[in-house]
PDB file of all heavy atoms in Angstrom:
ATOM      1  N   LEU A   1       0.399 -10.841  -4.274  1.00  0.00           N
ATOM      2  CA  LEU A   1       1.236 -10.133  -3.223  1.00  0.00           C
ATOM      3  C   LEU A   1       0.416  -9.964  -1.932  1.00  0.00           C
ATOM      4  O   LEU A   1      -0.725  -9.775  -1.930  1.00  0.00           O
ATOM      5  CB  LEU A   1       1.597  -8.675  -3.742  1.00  0.00           C
ATOM      6  CG  LEU A   1       2.276  -8.633  -5.067  1.00  0.00           C
ATOM      7  CD1 LEU A   1       2.636  -7.212  -5.350  1.00  0.00           C
ATOM      8  CD2 LEU A   1       3.530  -9.538  -5.117  1.00  0.00           C
ATOM      9  N   SER A   2       1.107 -10.046  -0.823  1.00  0.00           N
ATOM     10  CA  SER A   2       0.554  -9.854   0.441  1.00  0.00           C
ATOM     11  C   SER A   2       1.234  -8.726   1.209  1.00  0.00           C
ATOM     12  O   SER A   2       2.444  -8.490   1.060  1.00  0.00           O
ATOM     13  CB  SER A   2       0.640 -11.100   1.348  1.00  0.00           C
ATOM     14  OG  SER A   2       0.001 -12.191   0.685  1.00  0.00           O
ATOM     15  N   CYS A   3       0.471  -8.038   1.978  1.00  0.00           N
ATOM     16  CA  CYS A   3       0.986  -6.954   2.898  1.00  0.00           C
ATOM     17  C   CYS A   3       0.510  -7.209   4.282  1.00  0.00           C
ATOM     18  O   CYS A   3      -0.688  -7.248   4.520  1.00  0.00           O
ATOM     19  CB  CYS A   3       0.457  -5.618   2.376  1.00  0.00           C
ATOM     20  SG  CYS A   3       0.896  -4.152   3.444  1.00  0.00           S
ATOM     21  N   ALA A   4       1.414  -7.389   5.210  1.00  0.00           N
ATOM     22  CA  ALA A   4       1.113  -7.675   6.555  1.00  0.00           C
ATOM     23  C   ALA A   4       1.503  -6.516   7.439  1.00  0.00           C
ATOM     24  O   ALA A   4       2.580  -5.982   7.368  1.00  0.00           O
ATOM     25  CB  ALA A   4       1.852  -8.938   7.073  1.00  0.00           C
ATOM     26  N   ALA A   5       0.501  -6.022   8.241  1.00  0.00           N
ATOM     27  CA  ALA A   5       0.735  -4.945   9.184  1.00  0.00           C
ATOM     28  C   ALA A   5       0.996  -5.469  10.549  1.00  0.00           C
ATOM     29  O   ALA A   5       0.279  -6.440  10.981  1.00  0.00           O
ATOM     30  CB  ALA A   5      -0.478  -3.961   9.173  1.00  0.00           C
ATOM     31  N   SER A   6       1.874  -4.849  11.254  1.00  0.00           N
ATOM     32  CA  SER A   6       2.121  -5.246  12.617  1.00  0.00           C
ATOM     33  C   SER A   6       2.450  -4.014  13.439  1.00  0.00           C
ATOM     34  O   SER A   6       2.587  -2.955  12.893  1.00  0.00           O
ATOM     35  CB  SER A   6       3.349  -6.269  12.717  1.00  0.00           C
ATOM     36  OG  SER A   6       4.450  -5.697  12.208  1.00  0.00           O
ATOM     37  N   GLY A   7       2.534  -4.210  14.761  1.00  0.00           N
ATOM     38  CA  GLY A   7       2.796  -3.101  15.661  1.00  0.00           C
ATOM     39  C   GLY A   7       1.430  -2.577  16.222  1.00  0.00           C
ATOM     40  O   GLY A   7       0.566  -3.327  16.592  1.00  0.00           O
ATOM     41  N   SER A   8       1.318  -1.290  16.219  1.00  0.00           N
ATOM     42  CA  SER A   8       0.131  -0.605  16.754  1.00  0.00           C
ATOM     43  C   SER A   8      -0.938  -0.595  15.678  1.00  0.00           C
ATOM     44  O   SER A   8      -1.100   0.394  15.005  1.00  0.00           O
ATOM     45  CB  SER A   8       0.404   0.733  17.324  1.00  0.00           C
ATOM     46  OG  SER A   8       1.364   0.667  18.379  1.00  0.00           O
ATOM     47  N   THR A   9      -1.679  -1.690  15.510  1.00  0.00           N
ATOM     48  CA  THR A   9      -2.577  -1.817  14.350  1.00  0.00           C
ATOM     49  C   THR A   9      -4.083  -1.533  14.698  1.00  0.00           C
ATOM     50  O   THR A   9      -4.938  -1.762  13.845  1.00  0.00           O
ATOM     51  CB  THR A   9      -2.468  -3.202  13.759  1.00  0.00           C
ATOM     52  OG1 THR A   9      -2.770  -4.182  14.733  1.00  0.00           O
ATOM     53  CG2 THR A   9      -1.060  -3.412  13.269  1.00  0.00           C
ATOM     54  N   LEU A  10      -4.317  -1.138  15.916  1.00  0.00           N
ATOM     55  CA  LEU A  10      -5.707  -0.871  16.295  1.00  0.00           C
ATOM     56  C   LEU A  10      -6.405   0.142  15.426  1.00  0.00           C
ATOM     57  O   LEU A  10      -7.593  -0.016  15.143  1.00  0.00           O
ATOM     58  CB  LEU A  10      -5.821  -0.492  17.742  1.00  0.00           C
ATOM     59  CG  LEU A  10      -5.492  -1.557  18.778  1.00  0.00           C
ATOM     60  CD1 LEU A  10      -5.571  -1.001  20.249  1.00  0.00           C
ATOM     61  CD2 LEU A  10      -6.308  -2.749  18.606  1.00  0.00           C
ATOM     62  N   SER A  11      -5.696   1.154  14.931  1.00  0.00           N
ATOM     63  CA  SER A  11      -6.305   2.226  14.164  1.00  0.00           C
ATOM     64  C   SER A  11      -5.791   2.241  12.728  1.00  0.00           C
ATOM     65  O   SER A  11      -6.018   3.238  12.071  1.00  0.00           O
ATOM     66  CB  SER A  11      -6.028   3.569  14.836  1.00  0.00           C
ATOM     67  OG  SER A  11      -4.628   3.865  14.918  1.00  0.00           O
ATOM     68  N   ILE A  12      -5.161   1.197  12.312  1.00  0.00           N
ATOM     69  CA  ILE A  12      -4.601   1.179  10.995  1.00  0.00           C
ATOM     70  C   ILE A  12      -5.691   1.020   9.856  1.00  0.00           C
ATOM     71  O   ILE A  12      -6.601   0.380  10.049  1.00  0.00           O
ATOM     72  CB  ILE A  12      -3.516   0.114  10.842  1.00  0.00           C
ATOM     73  CG1 ILE A  12      -2.652   0.344   9.657  1.00  0.00           C
ATOM     74  CG2 ILE A  12      -4.159  -1.285  10.769  1.00  0.00           C
ATOM     75  CD1 ILE A  12      -1.354  -0.457   9.580  1.00  0.00           C
ATOM     76  N   ASN A  13      -5.353   1.725   8.726  1.00  0.00           N
ATOM     77  CA  ASN A  13      -6.186   1.613   7.581  1.00  0.00           C
ATOM     78  C   ASN A  13      -5.327   1.273   6.438  1.00  0.00           C
ATOM     79  O   ASN A  13      -4.379   1.990   6.019  1.00  0.00           O
ATOM     80  CB  ASN A  13      -6.871   2.989   7.221  1.00  0.00           C
ATOM     81  CG  ASN A  13      -7.848   3.352   8.291  1.00  0.00           C
ATOM     82  OD1 ASN A  13      -8.805   2.703   8.646  1.00  0.00           O
ATOM     83  ND2 ASN A  13      -7.618   4.506   8.877  1.00  0.00           N
ATOM     84  N   LEU A  14      -5.410   0.040   5.928  1.00  0.00           N
ATOM     85  CA  LEU A  14      -4.737  -0.426   4.732  1.00  0.00           C
ATOM     86  C   LEU A  14      -5.394   0.088   3.500  1.00  0.00           C
ATOM     87  O   LEU A  14      -6.600  -0.169   3.343  1.00  0.00           O
ATOM     88  CB  LEU A  14      -4.652  -1.952   4.738  1.00  0.00           C
ATOM     89  CG  LEU A  14      -3.845  -2.567   5.826  1.00  0.00           C
ATOM     90  CD1 LEU A  14      -4.207  -4.044   5.968  1.00  0.00           C
ATOM     91  CD2 LEU A  14      -2.357  -2.398   5.534  1.00  0.00           C
ATOM     92  N   ILE A  15      -4.720   0.893   2.689  1.00  0.00           N
ATOM     93  CA  ILE A  15      -5.409   1.677   1.712  1.00  0.00           C
ATOM     94  C   ILE A  15      -5.015   1.270   0.275  1.00  0.00           C
ATOM     95  O   ILE A  15      -5.826   1.594  -0.685  1.00  0.00           O
ATOM     96  CB  ILE A  15      -5.188   3.146   1.870  1.00  0.00           C
ATOM     97  CG1 ILE A  15      -3.733   3.572   1.669  1.00  0.00           C
ATOM     98  CG2 ILE A  15      -5.704   3.583   3.192  1.00  0.00           C
ATOM     99  CD1 ILE A  15      -3.577   5.087   1.670  1.00  0.00           C
ATOM    100  N   GLY A  16      -3.857   0.680  -0.031  1.00  0.00           N
ATOM    101  CA  GLY A  16      -3.639   0.375  -1.359  1.00  0.00           C
ATOM    102  C   GLY A  16      -2.202  -0.018  -1.722  1.00  0.00           C
ATOM    103  O   GLY A  16      -1.348  -0.110  -0.805  1.00  0.00           O
ATOM    104  N   TRP A  17      -1.930  -0.213  -3.017  1.00  0.00           N
ATOM    105  CA  TRP A  17      -0.715  -0.704  -3.542  1.00  0.00           C
ATOM    106  C   TRP A  17      -0.198   0.313  -4.550  1.00  0.00           C
ATOM    107  O   TRP A  17      -0.974   0.887  -5.357  1.00  0.00           O
ATOM    108  CB  TRP A  17      -0.844  -2.024  -4.221  1.00  0.00           C
ATOM    109  CG  TRP A  17      -1.106  -3.195  -3.335  1.00  0.00           C
ATOM    110  CD1 TRP A  17      -2.293  -3.650  -2.934  1.00  0.00           C
ATOM    111  CD2 TRP A  17      -0.082  -4.034  -2.752  1.00  0.00           C
ATOM    112  NE1 TRP A  17      -2.148  -4.732  -2.098  1.00  0.00           N
ATOM    113  CE2 TRP A  17      -0.803  -4.967  -1.958  1.00  0.00           C
ATOM    114  CE3 TRP A  17       1.285  -4.091  -2.795  1.00  0.00           C
ATOM    115  CZ2 TRP A  17      -0.111  -6.016  -1.283  1.00  0.00           C
ATOM    116  CZ3 TRP A  17       1.958  -5.068  -2.062  1.00  0.00           C
ATOM    117  CH2 TRP A  17       1.173  -5.998  -1.333  1.00  0.00           C
ATOM    118  N   PHE A  18       1.139   0.532  -4.510  1.00  0.00           N
ATOM    119  CA  PHE A  18       1.893   1.294  -5.475  1.00  0.00           C
ATOM    120  C   PHE A  18       3.073   0.617  -6.012  1.00  0.00           C
ATOM    121  O   PHE A  18       3.409  -0.472  -5.507  1.00  0.00           O
ATOM    122  CB  PHE A  18       2.308   2.637  -4.756  1.00  0.00           C
ATOM    123  CG  PHE A  18       1.309   3.578  -4.301  1.00  0.00           C
ATOM    124  CD1 PHE A  18       0.499   3.191  -3.144  1.00  0.00           C
ATOM    125  CD2 PHE A  18       1.057   4.750  -4.884  1.00  0.00           C
ATOM    126  CE1 PHE A  18      -0.488   4.078  -2.710  1.00  0.00           C
ATOM    127  CE2 PHE A  18       0.078   5.626  -4.403  1.00  0.00           C
ATOM    128  CZ  PHE A  18      -0.726   5.209  -3.316  1.00  0.00           C
ATOM    129  N   ARG A  19       3.608   1.072  -7.117  1.00  0.00           N
ATOM    130  CA  ARG A  19       4.768   0.418  -7.701  1.00  0.00           C
ATOM    131  C   ARG A  19       5.708   1.417  -8.290  1.00  0.00           C
ATOM    132  O   ARG A  19       5.307   2.544  -8.612  1.00  0.00           O
ATOM    133  CB  ARG A  19       4.350  -0.581  -8.737  1.00  0.00           C
ATOM    134  CG  ARG A  19       3.807   0.002  -9.984  1.00  0.00           C
ATOM    135  CD  ARG A  19       3.320  -1.143 -10.884  1.00  0.00           C
ATOM    136  NE  ARG A  19       2.790  -0.587 -12.198  1.00  0.00           N
ATOM    137  CZ  ARG A  19       2.127  -1.350 -13.103  1.00  0.00           C
ATOM    138  NH1 ARG A  19       1.998  -2.657 -12.932  1.00  0.00           N
ATOM    139  NH2 ARG A  19       1.700  -0.766 -14.274  1.00  0.00           N
ATOM    140  N   GLN A  20       6.952   1.025  -8.307  1.00  0.00           N
ATOM    141  CA  GLN A  20       8.005   1.944  -8.903  1.00  0.00           C
ATOM    142  C   GLN A  20       8.853   1.027  -9.894  1.00  0.00           C
ATOM    143  O   GLN A  20       9.566   0.142  -9.402  1.00  0.00           O
ATOM    144  CB  GLN A  20       8.799   2.599  -7.899  1.00  0.00           C
ATOM    145  CG  GLN A  20       9.752   3.648  -8.440  1.00  0.00           C
ATOM    146  CD  GLN A  20      10.291   4.541  -7.420  1.00  0.00           C
ATOM    147  OE1 GLN A  20      10.233   4.235  -6.199  1.00  0.00           O
ATOM    148  NE2 GLN A  20      10.778   5.707  -7.834  1.00  0.00           N
ATOM    149  N   ALA A  21       8.836   1.361 -11.122  1.00  0.00           N
ATOM    150  CA  ALA A  21       9.641   0.668 -12.076  1.00  0.00           C
ATOM    151  C   ALA A  21      10.964   1.369 -12.302  1.00  0.00           C
ATOM    152  O   ALA A  21      11.050   2.584 -11.958  1.00  0.00           O
ATOM    153  CB  ALA A  21       8.924   0.641 -13.462  1.00  0.00           C
ATOM    154  N   PRO A  22      11.994   0.778 -12.766  1.00  0.00           N
ATOM    155  CA  PRO A  22      13.291   1.393 -12.934  1.00  0.00           C
ATOM    156  C   PRO A  22      13.177   2.680 -13.765  1.00  0.00           C
ATOM    157  O   PRO A  22      12.572   2.622 -14.865  1.00  0.00           O
ATOM    158  CB  PRO A  22      14.111   0.348 -13.663  1.00  0.00           C
ATOM    159  CG  PRO A  22      13.507  -0.930 -13.287  1.00  0.00           C
ATOM    160  CD  PRO A  22      12.059  -0.700 -13.169  1.00  0.00           C
ATOM    161  N   GLY A  23      13.729   3.766 -13.282  1.00  0.00           N
ATOM    162  CA  GLY A  23      13.733   5.013 -14.001  1.00  0.00           C
ATOM    163  C   GLY A  23      12.467   5.750 -14.011  1.00  0.00           C
ATOM    164  O   GLY A  23      12.332   6.775 -14.704  1.00  0.00           O
ATOM    165  N   LYS A  24      11.461   5.272 -13.261  1.00  0.00           N
ATOM    166  CA  LYS A  24      10.114   5.882 -13.191  1.00  0.00           C
ATOM    167  C   LYS A  24       9.655   6.334 -11.751  1.00  0.00           C
ATOM    168  O   LYS A  24      10.314   5.801 -10.827  1.00  0.00           O
ATOM    169  CB  LYS A  24       9.073   5.001 -13.815  1.00  0.00           C
ATOM    170  CG  LYS A  24       9.271   4.630 -15.258  1.00  0.00           C
ATOM    171  CD  LYS A  24       8.106   3.827 -15.789  1.00  0.00           C
ATOM    172  CE  LYS A  24       8.207   3.562 -17.314  1.00  0.00           C
ATOM    173  NZ  LYS A  24       7.135   2.739 -17.768  1.00  0.00           N
ATOM    174  N   GLN A  25       8.762   7.209 -11.706  1.00  0.00           N
ATOM    175  CA  GLN A  25       8.226   7.578 -10.349  1.00  0.00           C
ATOM    176  C   GLN A  25       7.322   6.541  -9.801  1.00  0.00           C
ATOM    177  O   GLN A  25       6.771   5.693 -10.568  1.00  0.00           O
ATOM    178  CB  GLN A  25       7.447   8.908 -10.569  1.00  0.00           C
ATOM    179  CG  GLN A  25       8.258  10.146 -10.845  1.00  0.00           C
ATOM    180  CD  GLN A  25       7.431  11.379 -10.841  1.00  0.00           C
ATOM    181  OE1 GLN A  25       6.794  11.708 -11.885  1.00  0.00           O
ATOM    182  NE2 GLN A  25       7.338  12.061  -9.767  1.00  0.00           N
ATOM    183  N   ARG A  26       7.137   6.526  -8.572  1.00  0.00           N
ATOM    184  CA  ARG A  26       6.155   5.666  -7.978  1.00  0.00           C
ATOM    185  C   ARG A  26       4.807   5.972  -8.369  1.00  0.00           C
ATOM    186  O   ARG A  26       4.382   7.176  -8.418  1.00  0.00           O
ATOM    187  CB  ARG A  26       6.310   5.706  -6.393  1.00  0.00           C
ATOM    188  CG  ARG A  26       5.471   4.705  -5.655  1.00  0.00           C
ATOM    189  CD  ARG A  26       5.807   4.689  -4.190  1.00  0.00           C
ATOM    190  NE  ARG A  26       7.149   4.373  -3.885  1.00  0.00           N
ATOM    191  CZ  ARG A  26       7.718   4.188  -2.618  1.00  0.00           C
ATOM    192  NH1 ARG A  26       6.862   4.262  -1.603  1.00  0.00           N
ATOM    193  NH2 ARG A  26       8.891   3.943  -2.476  1.00  0.00           N
ATOM    194  N   GLU A  27       4.044   5.033  -8.736  1.00  0.00           N
ATOM    195  CA  GLU A  27       2.644   5.240  -9.225  1.00  0.00           C
ATOM    196  C   GLU A  27       1.669   4.407  -8.490  1.00  0.00           C
ATOM    197  O   GLU A  27       1.925   3.342  -8.010  1.00  0.00           O
ATOM    198  CB  GLU A  27       2.601   4.941 -10.709  1.00  0.00           C
ATOM    199  CG  GLU A  27       2.833   3.516 -11.081  1.00  0.00           C
ATOM    200  CD  GLU A  27       2.699   3.228 -12.583  1.00  0.00           C
ATOM    201  OE1 GLU A  27       2.313   4.122 -13.314  1.00  0.00           O
ATOM    202  OE2 GLU A  27       2.943   2.060 -12.984  1.00  0.00           O
ATOM    203  N   LEU A  28       0.446   4.929  -8.528  1.00  0.00           N
ATOM    204  CA  LEU A  28      -0.664   4.144  -7.892  1.00  0.00           C
ATOM    205  C   LEU A  28      -0.992   2.946  -8.727  1.00  0.00           C
ATOM    206  O   LEU A  28      -1.154   3.061  -9.926  1.00  0.00           O
ATOM    207  CB  LEU A  28      -1.909   5.120  -7.789  1.00  0.00           C
ATOM    208  CG  LEU A  28      -3.208   4.442  -7.364  1.00  0.00           C
ATOM    209  CD1 LEU A  28      -3.068   3.987  -5.873  1.00  0.00           C
ATOM    210  CD2 LEU A  28      -4.397   5.407  -7.555  1.00  0.00           C
ATOM    211  N   VAL A  29      -1.234   1.822  -8.140  1.00  0.00           N
ATOM    212  CA  VAL A  29      -1.711   0.601  -8.783  1.00  0.00           C
ATOM    213  C   VAL A  29      -3.185   0.373  -8.451  1.00  0.00           C
ATOM    214  O   VAL A  29      -3.995   0.172  -9.320  1.00  0.00           O
ATOM    215  CB  VAL A  29      -0.890  -0.554  -8.361  1.00  0.00           C
ATOM    216  CG1 VAL A  29      -1.418  -1.840  -8.991  1.00  0.00           C
ATOM    217  CG2 VAL A  29       0.584  -0.387  -8.796  1.00  0.00           C
ATOM    218  N   ALA A  30      -3.462   0.338  -7.103  1.00  0.00           N
ATOM    219  CA  ALA A  30      -4.859   0.088  -6.701  1.00  0.00           C
ATOM    220  C   ALA A  30      -5.140   0.615  -5.326  1.00  0.00           C
ATOM    221  O   ALA A  30      -4.182   0.629  -4.460  1.00  0.00           O
ATOM    222  CB  ALA A  30      -5.110  -1.503  -6.709  1.00  0.00           C
ATOM    223  N   LEU A  31      -6.371   1.068  -5.117  1.00  0.00           N
ATOM    224  CA  LEU A  31      -6.831   1.516  -3.836  1.00  0.00           C
ATOM    225  C   LEU A  31      -8.001   0.734  -3.386  1.00  0.00           C
ATOM    226  O   LEU A  31      -8.797   0.266  -4.210  1.00  0.00           O
ATOM    227  CB  LEU A  31      -7.225   3.041  -3.926  1.00  0.00           C
ATOM    228  CG  LEU A  31      -6.123   4.050  -4.232  1.00  0.00           C
ATOM    229  CD1 LEU A  31      -6.695   5.422  -4.370  1.00  0.00           C
ATOM    230  CD2 LEU A  31      -5.042   4.034  -3.088  1.00  0.00           C
ATOM    231  N   ILE A  32      -8.207   0.669  -2.008  1.00  0.00           N
ATOM    232  CA  ILE A  32      -9.392   0.029  -1.530  1.00  0.00           C
ATOM    233  C   ILE A  32      -9.904   0.900  -0.358  1.00  0.00           C
ATOM    234  O   ILE A  32      -9.046   1.312   0.555  1.00  0.00           O
ATOM    235  CB  ILE A  32      -9.127  -1.413  -1.070  1.00  0.00           C
ATOM    236  CG1 ILE A  32     -10.471  -2.069  -0.619  1.00  0.00           C
ATOM    237  CG2 ILE A  32      -8.056  -1.493  -0.015  1.00  0.00           C
ATOM    238  CD1 ILE A  32     -10.327  -3.608  -0.543  1.00  0.00           C
ATOM    239  N   SER A  33     -11.144   1.236  -0.318  1.00  0.00           N
ATOM    240  CA  SER A  33     -11.695   2.127   0.641  1.00  0.00           C
ATOM    241  C   SER A  33     -12.158   1.392   1.869  1.00  0.00           C
ATOM    242  O   SER A  33     -12.167   0.202   1.975  1.00  0.00           O
ATOM    243  CB  SER A  33     -12.862   2.981   0.035  1.00  0.00           C
ATOM    244  OG  SER A  33     -14.065   2.114  -0.065  1.00  0.00           O
ATOM    245  N   SER A  34     -12.586   2.198   2.883  1.00  0.00           N
ATOM    246  CA  SER A  34     -13.115   1.661   4.118  1.00  0.00           C
ATOM    247  C   SER A  34     -14.365   0.812   3.813  1.00  0.00           C
ATOM    248  O   SER A  34     -14.707  -0.089   4.665  1.00  0.00           O
ATOM    249  CB  SER A  34     -13.403   2.733   5.098  1.00  0.00           C
ATOM    250  OG  SER A  34     -14.391   3.631   4.652  1.00  0.00           O
TER     251      SER A  34
END
């Protein structure tokens, strides 16, 4: 999977991935720090 950021990206911090399965709450999958 890829995540592309656009717009005002000078100060953006890409921090991680989440997922939501049918009938379930959104959950953390993976985080990446600075």
